[in-house]
C-alpha atoms as a PDB file:
ATOM      1  CA  MET A   1      94.162 106.762  93.979  1.00  0.00           C
ATOM      2  CA  ILE A   2      97.000 105.025  92.235  1.00  0.00           C
ATOM      3  CA  ASP A   3      95.933 102.800  89.356  1.00  0.00           C
ATOM      4  CA  ILE A   4      97.701  99.503  90.106  1.00  0.00           C
ATOM      5  CA  GLU A   5      96.065  97.836  87.115  1.00  0.00           C
ATOM      6  CA  ARG A   6      97.560 100.456  84.792  1.00  0.00           C
ATOM      7  CA  ILE A   7     101.011 100.016  86.369  1.00  0.00           C
ATOM      8  CA  ASN A   8     100.755  96.254  85.863  1.00  0.00           C
ATOM      9  CA  TYR A   9      99.492  96.662  82.299  1.00  0.00           C
ATOM     10  CA  LEU A  10     102.408  98.922  81.376  1.00  0.00           C
ATOM     11  CA  ALA A  11     104.894  96.528  82.994  1.00  0.00           C
ATOM     12  CA  LYS A  12     103.486  93.591  81.032  1.00  0.00           C
ATOM     13  CA  LYS A  13     103.429  95.558  77.785  1.00  0.00           C
ATOM     14  CA  SER A  14     107.005  96.691  78.412  1.00  0.00           C
ATOM     15  CA  ARG A  15     108.158  93.078  78.679  1.00  0.00           C
ATOM     16  CA  GLU A  16     106.172  91.880  75.669  1.00  0.00           C
ATOM     17  CA  GLN A  17     106.312  94.709  73.103  1.00  0.00           C
ATOM     18  CA  GLY A  18     108.063  97.721  74.519  1.00  0.00           C
ATOM     19  CA  LEU A  19     106.618 101.102  75.395  1.00  0.00           C
ATOM     20  CA  THR A  20     106.289 104.379  73.552  1.00  0.00           C
ATOM     21  CA  PRO A  21     108.063 107.384  75.086  1.00  0.00           C
ATOM     22  CA  ALA A  22     104.703 108.670  76.370  1.00  0.00           C
ATOM     23  CA  GLU A  23     103.944 105.329  78.016  1.00  0.00           C
ATOM     24  CA  THR A  24     107.426 105.200  79.550  1.00  0.00           C
ATOM     25  CA  ALA A  25     106.869 108.640  81.077  1.00  0.00           C
ATOM     26  CA  GLU A  26     103.428 107.603  82.338  1.00  0.00           C
ATOM     27  CA  GLN A  27     104.889 104.430  83.840  1.00  0.00           C
ATOM     28  CA  ALA A  28     107.584 106.397  85.675  1.00  0.00           C
ATOM     29  CA  LYS A  29     104.994 108.876  86.988  1.00  0.00           C
ATOM     30  CA  LEU A  30     102.674 106.097  88.197  1.00  0.00           C
ATOM     31  CA  ARG A  31     105.516 104.185  89.842  1.00  0.00           C
ATOM     32  CA  ARG A  32     106.735 107.321  91.647  1.00  0.00           C
ATOM     33  CA  ALA A  33     103.197 108.058  92.886  1.00  0.00           C
ATOM     34  CA  TYR A  34     102.861 104.459  94.127  1.00  0.00           C
ATOM     35  CA  ILE A  35     106.205 104.558  95.959  1.00  0.00           C
ATOM     36  CA  ASP A  36     105.411 107.933  97.544  1.00  0.00           C
ATOM     37  CA  ALA A  37     102.012 106.678  98.751  1.00  0.00           C
ATOM     38  CA  TYR A  38     103.617 103.509 100.136  1.00  0.00           C
ATOM     39  CA  LYS A  39     106.187 105.559 102.069  1.00  0.00           C
ATOM     40  CA  ARG A  40     103.493 107.878 103.465  1.00  0.00           C
ATOM     41  CA  ASN A  41     101.418 104.909 104.635  1.00  0.00           C
ATOM     42  CA  LEU A  42     104.420 103.195 106.230  1.00  0.00           C
ATOM     43  CA  THR A  43     105.477 106.411 107.974  1.00  0.00           C
ATOM     44  CA  ALA A  44     101.954 106.897 109.340  1.00  0.00           C
ATOM     45  CA  GLN A  45     101.896 103.318 110.604  1.00  0.00           C
ATOM     46  CA  LEU A  46     105.277 103.685 112.319  1.00  0.00           C
ATOM     47  CA  ASP A  47     104.230 107.027 113.830  1.00  0.00           C
ATOM     48  CA  ASN A  48     101.391 105.183 115.566  1.00  0.00           C
ATOM     49  CA  THR A  49     103.528 102.277 116.798  1.00  0.00           C
ATOM     50  CA  TYR A  50     104.333 101.939 120.494  1.00  0.00           C
ATOM     51  CA  ILE A  51     106.757  99.649 122.297  1.00  0.00           C
ATOM     52  CA  VAL A  52     105.688  98.055 125.585  1.00  0.00           C
ATOM     53  CA  ASP A  53     108.588  97.112 127.864  1.00  0.00           C
ATOM     54  CA  GLU A  54     108.645  94.339 130.466  1.00  0.00           C
ATOM     55  CA  ALA A  55     107.269  96.683 133.141  1.00  0.00           C
ATOM     56  CA  GLY A  56     104.261  97.501 130.963  1.00  0.00           C
ATOM     57  CA  ASN A  57     105.393 101.020 130.079  1.00  0.00           C
ATOM     58  CA  LYS A  58     104.328 102.233 126.654  1.00  0.00           C
ATOM     59  CA  ARG A  59     106.682 104.442 124.686  1.00  0.00           C
ATOM     60  CA  LYS A  60     106.565 105.769 121.174  1.00  0.00           C
ATOM     61  CA  LEU A  61     108.814 104.162 118.582  1.00  0.00           C
ATOM     62  CA  GLU A  62     111.834 106.405 118.027  1.00  0.00           C
ATOM     63  CA  LYS A  63     113.529 107.170 114.740  1.00  0.00           C
ATOM     64  CA  LYS A  64     117.062 105.859 114.356  1.00  0.00           C
ATOM     65  CA  ASN A  65     119.847 108.267 113.547  1.00  0.00           C
ATOM     66  CA  VAL A  66     120.871 107.064 110.087  1.00  0.00           C
ATOM     67  CA  ASP A  67     124.194 108.954 110.113  1.00  0.00           C
ATOM     68  CA  GLU A  68     125.260 107.266 113.350  1.00  0.00           C
ATOM     69  CA  GLN A  69     124.397 103.817 111.979  1.00  0.00           C
ATOM     70  CA  ALA A  70     126.394 104.412 108.791  1.00  0.00           C
ATOM     71  CA  LYS A  71     129.574 105.295 110.714  1.00  0.00           C
ATOM     72  CA  LYS A  72     129.690 101.964 112.577  1.00  0.00           C
END
């Protein structure tokens, strides 16, 4: 599990005193692990999301085509 308390401690220490190179590397590693876990959880939640239309039909939430959206 990701240690949120350690992430917060390093952020506070960074603002107050600065971090050693080892602490900076640890902070980056912890932040990356937190972001990756957040993305996995969000993806799992969206994979289990269904839309119900006015007729009562359930359909799975579809992924948007990012390339198509960027061209508009």
